[in-house]
Amino acid sequence: QVQLVESGGGSVQPGGSLRLSCAASGFTFKDYDINWYRQAPGKERELVVGITNFGSSTTYADSVKGRFTISRDNAKNTAYLQMNSLKPEVTAVYYCNAQHILARRAYWGQGTQVTVSS
């Protein structure tokens, strides 16, 4: 059974930090790029950050450069999103997406809520 499970979300003060995890099972993790998307209320889902299957390349939305860091540990079938210096504007549900490097196949997690407020 394929599973992609996010964790680590929660509520944090502005300027605080969170680390999200994306744990995969049931598929060959190393054959998938990992992306984090987010969707805020009333807004479209947007790509936040991505990492290639062996971690050799990363992509960041301009709004999070210098504050967010994506990484992965293929031995643990897990990807991470370190989020620092958090601002209220990043409040959203964050989704982990596993996109096969070649095939037209992707998996999605259920999402984890990140809330930044005073």
C-alpha atoms as a PDB file:
ATOM      1  CA  GLN A   1       0.000   0.000   0.000  1.00  0.00           C
ATOM      2  CA  VAL A   2       1.341   3.382  -1.006  1.00  0.00           C
ATOM      3  CA  GLN A   3       1.618   5.913   1.771  1.00  0.00           C
ATOM      4  CA  LEU A   4       2.956   9.422   1.896  1.00  0.00           C
ATOM      5  CA  VAL A   5       2.508  10.951   5.311  1.00  0.00           C
ATOM      6  CA  GLU A   6       3.358  14.475   6.384  1.00  0.00           C
ATOM      7  CA  SER A   7       4.010  15.434   9.958  1.00  0.00           C
ATOM      8  CA  GLY A   8       5.526  18.254  11.950  1.00  0.00           C
ATOM      9  CA  GLY A   9       3.027  20.979  11.270  1.00  0.00           C
ATOM     10  CA  GLY A  10       1.540  23.128  13.952  1.00  0.00           C
ATOM     11  CA  SER A  11       1.201  26.646  15.227  1.00  0.00           C
ATOM     12  CA  VAL A  12       4.200  28.879  15.722  1.00  0.00           C
ATOM     13  CA  GLN A  13       4.967  32.507  16.486  1.00  0.00           C
ATOM     14  CA  PRO A  14       6.353  34.764  13.771  1.00  0.00           C
ATOM     15  CA  GLY A  15      10.073  34.234  13.531  1.00  0.00           C
ATOM     16  CA  GLY A  16       9.815  30.688  14.776  1.00  0.00           C
ATOM     17  CA  SER A  17      10.721  27.438  13.083  1.00  0.00           C
ATOM     18  CA  LEU A  18       9.145  24.157  12.122  1.00  0.00           C
ATOM     19  CA  ARG A  19      10.417  21.039  10.463  1.00  0.00           C
ATOM     20  CA  LEU A  20       8.015  19.078   8.323  1.00  0.00           C
ATOM     21  CA  SER A  21       8.593  15.442   7.495  1.00  0.00           C
ATOM     22  CA  CYS A  22       7.285  13.384   4.613  1.00  0.00           C
ATOM     23  CA  ALA A  23       7.512   9.651   5.195  1.00  0.00           C
ATOM     24  CA  ALA A  24       7.031   7.370   2.210  1.00  0.00           C
ATOM     25  CA  SER A  25       6.244   3.691   1.923  1.00  0.00           C
ATOM     26  CA  GLY A  26       4.935   1.286  -0.674  1.00  0.00           C
ATOM     27  CA  PHE A  27       6.938   2.640  -3.592  1.00  0.00           C
ATOM     28  CA  THR A  28      10.524   3.131  -4.657  1.00  0.00           C
ATOM     29  CA  PHE A  29      11.297   6.413  -2.991  1.00  0.00           C
ATOM     30  CA  LYS A  30      14.566   7.011  -4.816  1.00  0.00           C
ATOM     31  CA  ASP A  31      12.757   7.050  -8.164  1.00  0.00           C
ATOM     32  CA  TYR A  32      10.698  10.080  -7.187  1.00  0.00           C
ATOM     33  CA  ASP A  33      11.371  13.762  -6.931  1.00  0.00           C
ATOM     34  CA  ILE A  34       9.829  15.283  -3.824  1.00  0.00           C
ATOM     35  CA  ASN A  35       7.963  18.554  -3.827  1.00  0.00           C
ATOM     36  CA  TRP A  36       6.260  20.509  -1.116  1.00  0.00           C
ATOM     37  CA  TYR A  37       3.160  22.434  -2.074  1.00  0.00           C
ATOM     38  CA  ARG A  38       0.998  24.656   0.040  1.00  0.00           C
ATOM     39  CA  GLN A  39      -2.520  25.921  -0.168  1.00  0.00           C
ATOM     40  CA  ALA A  40      -3.816  28.816   1.843  1.00  0.00           C
ATOM     41  CA  PRO A  41      -7.531  29.514   2.279  1.00  0.00           C
ATOM     42  CA  GLY A  42      -9.000  30.981  -0.877  1.00  0.00           C
ATOM     43  CA  LYS A  43      -5.798  30.554  -2.845  1.00  0.00           C
ATOM     44  CA  GLU A  44      -4.496  28.120  -5.406  1.00  0.00           C
ATOM     45  CA  ARG A  45      -2.087  25.401  -4.467  1.00  0.00           C
ATOM     46  CA  GLU A  46       1.463  26.492  -5.166  1.00  0.00           C
ATOM     47  CA  LEU A  47       4.829  24.838  -5.348  1.00  0.00           C
ATOM     48  CA  VAL A  48       7.057  25.829  -2.454  1.00  0.00           C
ATOM     49  CA  VAL A  49      10.171  23.745  -2.886  1.00  0.00           C
ATOM     50  CA  GLY A  50      11.371  20.639  -4.680  1.00  0.00           C
ATOM     51  CA  ILE A  51      14.260  18.230  -4.575  1.00  0.00           C
ATOM     52  CA  THR A  52      15.392  15.712  -7.145  1.00  0.00           C
ATOM     53  CA  ASN A  53      15.444  12.026  -6.442  1.00  0.00           C
ATOM     54  CA  PHE A  54      19.011  11.851  -5.144  1.00  0.00           C
ATOM     55  CA  GLY A  55      19.030  15.341  -3.719  1.00  0.00           C
ATOM     56  CA  SER A  56      21.402  16.778  -6.281  1.00  0.00           C
ATOM     57  CA  SER A  57      19.196  19.727  -7.159  1.00  0.00           C
ATOM     58  CA  THR A  58      16.691  21.843  -5.285  1.00  0.00           C
ATOM     59  CA  THR A  59      14.214  24.477  -6.315  1.00  0.00           C
ATOM     60  CA  TYR A  60      12.696  27.143  -4.085  1.00  0.00           C
ATOM     61  CA  ALA A  61       9.916  29.609  -4.545  1.00  0.00           C
ATOM     62  CA  ASP A  62      11.271  33.141  -4.357  1.00  0.00           C
ATOM     63  CA  SER A  63       9.218  33.864  -1.280  1.00  0.00           C
ATOM     64  CA  VAL A  64      10.981  31.217   0.816  1.00  0.00           C
ATOM     65  CA  LYS A  65      14.551  31.380  -0.414  1.00  0.00           C
ATOM     66  CA  GLY A  66      16.971  31.685   2.444  1.00  0.00           C
ATOM     67  CA  ARG A  67      14.402  30.612   5.012  1.00  0.00           C
ATOM     68  CA  PHE A  68      13.244  27.157   3.897  1.00  0.00           C
ATOM     69  CA  THR A  69      15.469  24.172   3.242  1.00  0.00           C
ATOM     70  CA  ILE A  70      14.412  20.904   1.679  1.00  0.00           C
ATOM     71  CA  SER A  71      16.356  17.697   2.186  1.00  0.00           C
ATOM     72  CA  ARG A  72      15.846  13.972   1.898  1.00  0.00           C
ATOM     73  CA  ASP A  73      17.206  10.757   3.297  1.00  0.00           C
ATOM     74  CA  ASN A  74      16.548   7.963   0.861  1.00  0.00           C
ATOM     75  CA  ALA A  75      17.730   5.338   3.324  1.00  0.00           C
ATOM     76  CA  LYS A  76      14.874   6.420   5.576  1.00  0.00           C
ATOM     77  CA  ASN A  77      12.394   7.035   2.751  1.00  0.00           C
ATOM     78  CA  THR A  78      11.812  10.453   4.212  1.00  0.00           C
ATOM     79  CA  ALA A  79      12.001  14.037   3.024  1.00  0.00           C
ATOM     80  CA  TYR A  80      12.110  17.123   5.194  1.00  0.00           C
ATOM     81  CA  LEU A  81      11.265  20.766   4.990  1.00  0.00           C
ATOM     82  CA  GLN A  82      13.029  22.995   7.489  1.00  0.00           C
ATOM     83  CA  MET A  83      11.174  26.261   7.844  1.00  0.00           C
ATOM     84  CA  ASN A  84      12.875  29.143   9.635  1.00  0.00           C
ATOM     85  CA  SER A  85      12.054  32.784  10.254  1.00  0.00           C
ATOM     86  CA  LEU A  86       8.421  32.055   9.699  1.00  0.00           C
ATOM     87  CA  LYS A  87       6.025  34.786   8.684  1.00  0.00           C
ATOM     88  CA  PRO A  88       2.235  34.802   8.859  1.00  0.00           C
ATOM     89  CA  GLU A  89       2.091  34.755   5.072  1.00  0.00           C
ATOM     90  CA  VAL A  90       3.287  31.145   4.981  1.00  0.00           C
ATOM     91  CA  THR A  91       0.202  29.912   6.826  1.00  0.00           C
ATOM     92  CA  ALA A  92      -1.283  27.121   4.754  1.00  0.00           C
ATOM     93  CA  VAL A  93      -1.788  23.410   4.480  1.00  0.00           C
ATOM     94  CA  TYR A  94       1.456  21.902   3.280  1.00  0.00           C
ATOM     95  CA  TYR A  95       1.379  18.837   1.054  1.00  0.00           C
ATOM     96  CA  CYS A  96       4.134  16.432   0.184  1.00  0.00           C
ATOM     97  CA  ASN A  97       4.174  15.294  -3.425  1.00  0.00           C
ATOM     98  CA  ALA A  98       6.230  12.443  -4.831  1.00  0.00           C
ATOM     99  CA  GLN A  99       6.625  12.709  -8.592  1.00  0.00           C
ATOM    100  CA  HIS A 100       8.156   9.878 -10.530  1.00  0.00           C
ATOM    101  CA  ILE A 101      11.244  11.039 -12.371  1.00  0.00           C
ATOM    102  CA  LEU A 102      10.047   9.571 -15.681  1.00  0.00           C
ATOM    103  CA  ALA A 103       6.588   8.094 -15.451  1.00  0.00           C
ATOM    104  CA  ARG A 104       3.318   9.929 -15.289  1.00  0.00           C
ATOM    105  CA  ARG A 105       2.705   8.953 -11.709  1.00  0.00           C
ATOM    106  CA  ALA A 106       2.619  10.923  -8.512  1.00  0.00           C
ATOM    107  CA  TYR A 107       1.541  10.470  -4.933  1.00  0.00           C
ATOM    108  CA  TRP A 108       0.226  12.997  -2.462  1.00  0.00           C
ATOM    109  CA  GLY A 109       0.150  13.152   1.264  1.00  0.00           C
ATOM    110  CA  GLN A 110      -2.838  14.241   3.272  1.00  0.00           C
ATOM    111  CA  GLY A 111      -1.369  17.582   4.227  1.00  0.00           C
ATOM    112  CA  THR A 112      -0.257  19.172   7.455  1.00  0.00           C
ATOM    113  CA  GLN A 113      -1.365  22.547   8.736  1.00  0.00           C
ATOM    114  CA  VAL A 114       1.197  25.266   9.343  1.00  0.00           C
ATOM    115  CA  THR A 115      -0.062  28.328  11.149  1.00  0.00           C
ATOM    116  CA  VAL A 116       2.078  31.361  11.916  1.00  0.00           C
ATOM    117  CA  SER A 117       0.407  33.921  14.104  1.00  0.00           C
ATOM    118  CA  SER A 118       0.825  36.029  17.194  1.00  0.00           C
END
